[in-house]
Amino acid sequence: MRLRTKLAAVAIGAVAATGGLVLPTTAVAAPGDAAACTSPGWSNKDNRAGGVNTNAVNIRSGPTTECVSHGQAQIGHSLTLHCFVGGQGGTWSHVRDNSTGVSGWIKDSLLNNNGAPSLC
């Protein structure tokens, strides 16, 4: 899916999900300066194989760099792409790193072919 189409799908989904209202979301800092993130709902809509286009890509608890990293994906790791959402600075895909077993969110610009093609 092309990035422009993906961004339009996120905007339409946000409007539909809120009955026409688009509300901003913010991350709340947890004690000890750790970012507290609530992962948006996701499901395994794609189940496609994927990979990252650079090494040491953080797999985060939510679609923002404010969210904690559960691990890192490397070039050569096999990823399963689940679905995408709008997040900080663009779209983010929920993935499972089959090489490490870690699941979470990666910004689509760091994934081959711009990540998952299905909206969560």
C-alpha atoms as a PDB file:
ATOM      1  CA  MET A   1       0.000   0.000   0.000  1.00  0.00           C
ATOM      2  CA  ARG A   2       1.360   3.399  -0.876  1.00  0.00           C
ATOM      3  CA  LEU A   3       2.139   5.717   2.030  1.00  0.00           C
ATOM      4  CA  ARG A   4      -0.335   8.390   0.903  1.00  0.00           C
ATOM      5  CA  THR A   5      -3.148   5.818   0.756  1.00  0.00           C
ATOM      6  CA  LYS A   6      -2.108   4.478   4.144  1.00  0.00           C
ATOM      7  CA  LEU A   7      -2.233   7.951   5.740  1.00  0.00           C
ATOM      8  CA  ALA A   8      -5.675   8.593   4.256  1.00  0.00           C
ATOM      9  CA  ALA A   9      -6.910   5.278   5.680  1.00  0.00           C
ATOM     10  CA  VAL A  10      -5.662   6.292   9.143  1.00  0.00           C
ATOM     11  CA  ALA A  11      -7.470   9.634   8.943  1.00  0.00           C
ATOM     12  CA  ILE A  12     -10.733   8.027   7.786  1.00  0.00           C
ATOM     13  CA  GLY A  13     -10.478   5.367  10.479  1.00  0.00           C
ATOM     14  CA  ALA A  14      -9.927   7.985  13.183  1.00  0.00           C
ATOM     15  CA  VAL A  15     -12.965   9.973  12.102  1.00  0.00           C
ATOM     16  CA  ALA A  16     -15.159   6.864  11.858  1.00  0.00           C
ATOM     17  CA  ALA A  17     -14.031   5.518  15.232  1.00  0.00           C
ATOM     18  CA  THR A  18     -14.895   8.729  17.048  1.00  0.00           C
ATOM     19  CA  GLY A  19     -18.179   9.504  15.308  1.00  0.00           C
ATOM     20  CA  GLY A  20     -16.650  12.432  13.461  1.00  0.00           C
ATOM     21  CA  LEU A  21     -14.493  13.761  16.281  1.00  0.00           C
ATOM     22  CA  VAL A  22     -10.743  13.485  16.030  1.00  0.00           C
ATOM     23  CA  LEU A  23      -9.222  13.700  19.475  1.00  0.00           C
ATOM     24  CA  PRO A  24      -5.501  14.183  20.119  1.00  0.00           C
ATOM     25  CA  THR A  25      -3.654  11.562  22.126  1.00  0.00           C
ATOM     26  CA  THR A  26      -0.777  12.192  24.469  1.00  0.00           C
ATOM     27  CA  ALA A  27       1.742  10.030  26.252  1.00  0.00           C
ATOM     28  CA  VAL A  28       1.797  10.274  30.028  1.00  0.00           C
ATOM     29  CA  ALA A  29       5.131  10.081  31.817  1.00  0.00           C
ATOM     30  CA  ALA A  30       5.384   7.398  34.471  1.00  0.00           C
ATOM     31  CA  PRO A  31       7.334   7.762  37.699  1.00  0.00           C
ATOM     32  CA  GLY A  32      11.074   7.511  37.187  1.00  0.00           C
ATOM     33  CA  ASP A  33      10.887   9.221  33.760  1.00  0.00           C
ATOM     34  CA  ALA A  34       9.868   5.973  32.030  1.00  0.00           C
ATOM     35  CA  ALA A  35       7.302   6.502  29.305  1.00  0.00           C
ATOM     36  CA  ALA A  36       3.969   4.844  29.991  1.00  0.00           C
ATOM     37  CA  CYS A  37       2.222   3.734  26.833  1.00  0.00           C
ATOM     38  CA  THR A  38      -1.010   2.003  26.196  1.00  0.00           C
ATOM     39  CA  SER A  39      -0.792  -0.014  23.026  1.00  0.00           C
ATOM     40  CA  PRO A  40      -3.665   0.689  20.649  1.00  0.00           C
ATOM     41  CA  GLY A  41      -5.823  -2.267  19.729  1.00  0.00           C
ATOM     42  CA  TRP A  42      -4.363  -4.498  17.045  1.00  0.00           C
ATOM     43  CA  SER A  43      -5.069  -7.827  15.440  1.00  0.00           C
ATOM     44  CA  ASN A  44      -3.213 -10.073  13.053  1.00  0.00           C
ATOM     45  CA  LYS A  45      -4.940  -8.884   9.883  1.00  0.00           C
ATOM     46  CA  ASP A  46      -2.007  -9.383   7.513  1.00  0.00           C
ATOM     47  CA  ASN A  47       0.259 -12.182   8.737  1.00  0.00           C
ATOM     48  CA  ARG A  48       2.736 -11.178   6.040  1.00  0.00           C
ATOM     49  CA  ALA A  49       6.476 -11.619   6.250  1.00  0.00           C
ATOM     50  CA  GLY A  50       8.544  -8.473   6.523  1.00  0.00           C
ATOM     51  CA  GLY A  51      11.818  -7.025   7.657  1.00  0.00           C
ATOM     52  CA  VAL A  52      13.573  -3.839   8.675  1.00  0.00           C
ATOM     53  CA  ASN A  53      15.655  -1.670   6.353  1.00  0.00           C
ATOM     54  CA  THR A  54      18.311  -0.805   8.963  1.00  0.00           C
ATOM     55  CA  ASN A  55      19.851  -2.468  12.018  1.00  0.00           C
ATOM     56  CA  ALA A  56      18.933  -1.884  15.682  1.00  0.00           C
ATOM     57  CA  VAL A  57      15.298  -0.859  15.100  1.00  0.00           C
ATOM     58  CA  ASN A  58      13.410  -0.526  18.383  1.00  0.00           C
ATOM     59  CA  ILE A  59      10.261  -2.607  18.853  1.00  0.00           C
ATOM     60  CA  ARG A  60       8.150  -0.375  21.106  1.00  0.00           C
ATOM     61  CA  SER A  61       5.156  -0.818  23.405  1.00  0.00           C
ATOM     62  CA  GLY A  62       3.184   1.807  21.446  1.00  0.00           C
ATOM     63  CA  PRO A  63       3.388   3.856  18.223  1.00  0.00           C
ATOM     64  CA  THR A  64       5.668   6.622  19.500  1.00  0.00           C
ATOM     65  CA  THR A  65       9.321   6.995  20.463  1.00  0.00           C
ATOM     66  CA  GLU A  66       8.080   7.923  23.963  1.00  0.00           C
ATOM     67  CA  CYS A  67       7.096   4.284  24.482  1.00  0.00           C
ATOM     68  CA  VAL A  68       9.564   1.811  25.924  1.00  0.00           C
ATOM     69  CA  SER A  69      11.508  -0.542  23.690  1.00  0.00           C
ATOM     70  CA  HIS A  70      11.031  -4.267  24.309  1.00  0.00           C
ATOM     71  CA  GLY A  71      13.924  -5.175  22.016  1.00  0.00           C
ATOM     72  CA  GLN A  72      15.457  -4.482  18.630  1.00  0.00           C
ATOM     73  CA  ALA A  73      14.957  -5.928  15.171  1.00  0.00           C
ATOM     74  CA  GLN A  74      17.965  -6.395  12.921  1.00  0.00           C
ATOM     75  CA  ILE A  75      18.372  -6.749   9.157  1.00  0.00           C
ATOM     76  CA  GLY A  76      17.985 -10.457   8.508  1.00  0.00           C
ATOM     77  CA  HIS A  77      15.380 -10.979  11.249  1.00  0.00           C
ATOM     78  CA  SER A  78      12.094 -12.425  10.051  1.00  0.00           C
ATOM     79  CA  LEU A  79       9.105 -10.273  11.079  1.00  0.00           C
ATOM     80  CA  THR A  80       5.395 -11.015  10.903  1.00  0.00           C
ATOM     81  CA  LEU A  81       3.384  -7.882  10.048  1.00  0.00           C
ATOM     82  CA  HIS A  82      -0.023  -7.632  11.748  1.00  0.00           C
ATOM     83  CA  CYS A  83      -1.605  -4.219  10.989  1.00  0.00           C
ATOM     84  CA  PHE A  84      -0.833  -0.477  11.181  1.00  0.00           C
ATOM     85  CA  VAL A  85      -2.076   2.642  12.993  1.00  0.00           C
ATOM     86  CA  GLY A  86      -1.322   6.344  12.852  1.00  0.00           C
ATOM     87  CA  GLY A  87       1.288   7.373  15.385  1.00  0.00           C
ATOM     88  CA  GLN A  88       4.098   9.798  16.055  1.00  0.00           C
ATOM     89  CA  GLY A  89       5.430  11.155  12.765  1.00  0.00           C
ATOM     90  CA  GLY A  90       3.447   8.824  10.479  1.00  0.00           C
ATOM     91  CA  THR A  91       2.203   5.261  10.543  1.00  0.00           C
ATOM     92  CA  TRP A  92       3.440   2.378  12.700  1.00  0.00           C
ATOM     93  CA  SER A  93       2.976  -1.376  12.231  1.00  0.00           C
ATOM     94  CA  HIS A  94       2.469  -3.952  14.939  1.00  0.00           C
ATOM     95  CA  VAL A  95       4.944  -6.768  14.335  1.00  0.00           C
ATOM     96  CA  ARG A  96       6.343  -9.947  15.825  1.00  0.00           C
ATOM     97  CA  ASP A  97      10.075 -10.526  15.475  1.00  0.00           C
ATOM     98  CA  ASN A  98      10.160 -14.261  14.752  1.00  0.00           C
ATOM     99  CA  SER A  99      13.898 -14.343  15.454  1.00  0.00           C
ATOM    100  CA  THR A 100      13.518 -13.110  19.067  1.00  0.00           C
ATOM    101  CA  GLY A 101       9.807 -13.573  19.874  1.00  0.00           C
ATOM    102  CA  VAL A 102       9.404  -9.860  20.711  1.00  0.00           C
ATOM    103  CA  SER A 103       6.166  -8.148  19.613  1.00  0.00           C
ATOM    104  CA  GLY A 104       5.393  -4.448  19.417  1.00  0.00           C
ATOM    105  CA  TRP A 105       5.325  -1.371  17.208  1.00  0.00           C
ATOM    106  CA  ILE A 106       7.830  -0.202  14.577  1.00  0.00           C
ATOM    107  CA  LYS A 107       7.557   3.003  12.548  1.00  0.00           C
ATOM    108  CA  ASP A 108       6.688   2.060   8.963  1.00  0.00           C
ATOM    109  CA  SER A 109       9.531   4.074   7.427  1.00  0.00           C
ATOM    110  CA  LEU A 110      11.926   1.610   9.114  1.00  0.00           C
ATOM    111  CA  LEU A 111      10.172  -1.433   7.615  1.00  0.00           C
ATOM    112  CA  ASN A 112      10.595  -2.845   4.117  1.00  0.00           C
ATOM    113  CA  ASN A 113       7.693  -1.865   1.826  1.00  0.00           C
ATOM    114  CA  ASN A 114       6.355   0.622   4.440  1.00  0.00           C
ATOM    115  CA  GLY A 115       5.077  -2.078   6.807  1.00  0.00           C
ATOM    116  CA  ALA A 116       1.678  -3.726   7.110  1.00  0.00           C
ATOM    117  CA  PRO A 117      -0.937  -2.814   4.478  1.00  0.00           C
ATOM    118  CA  SER A 118      -4.040  -3.315   6.705  1.00  0.00           C
ATOM    119  CA  LEU A 119      -5.371  -0.790   9.197  1.00  0.00           C
ATOM    120  CA  CYS A 120      -5.776  -2.197  12.740  1.00  0.00           C
END
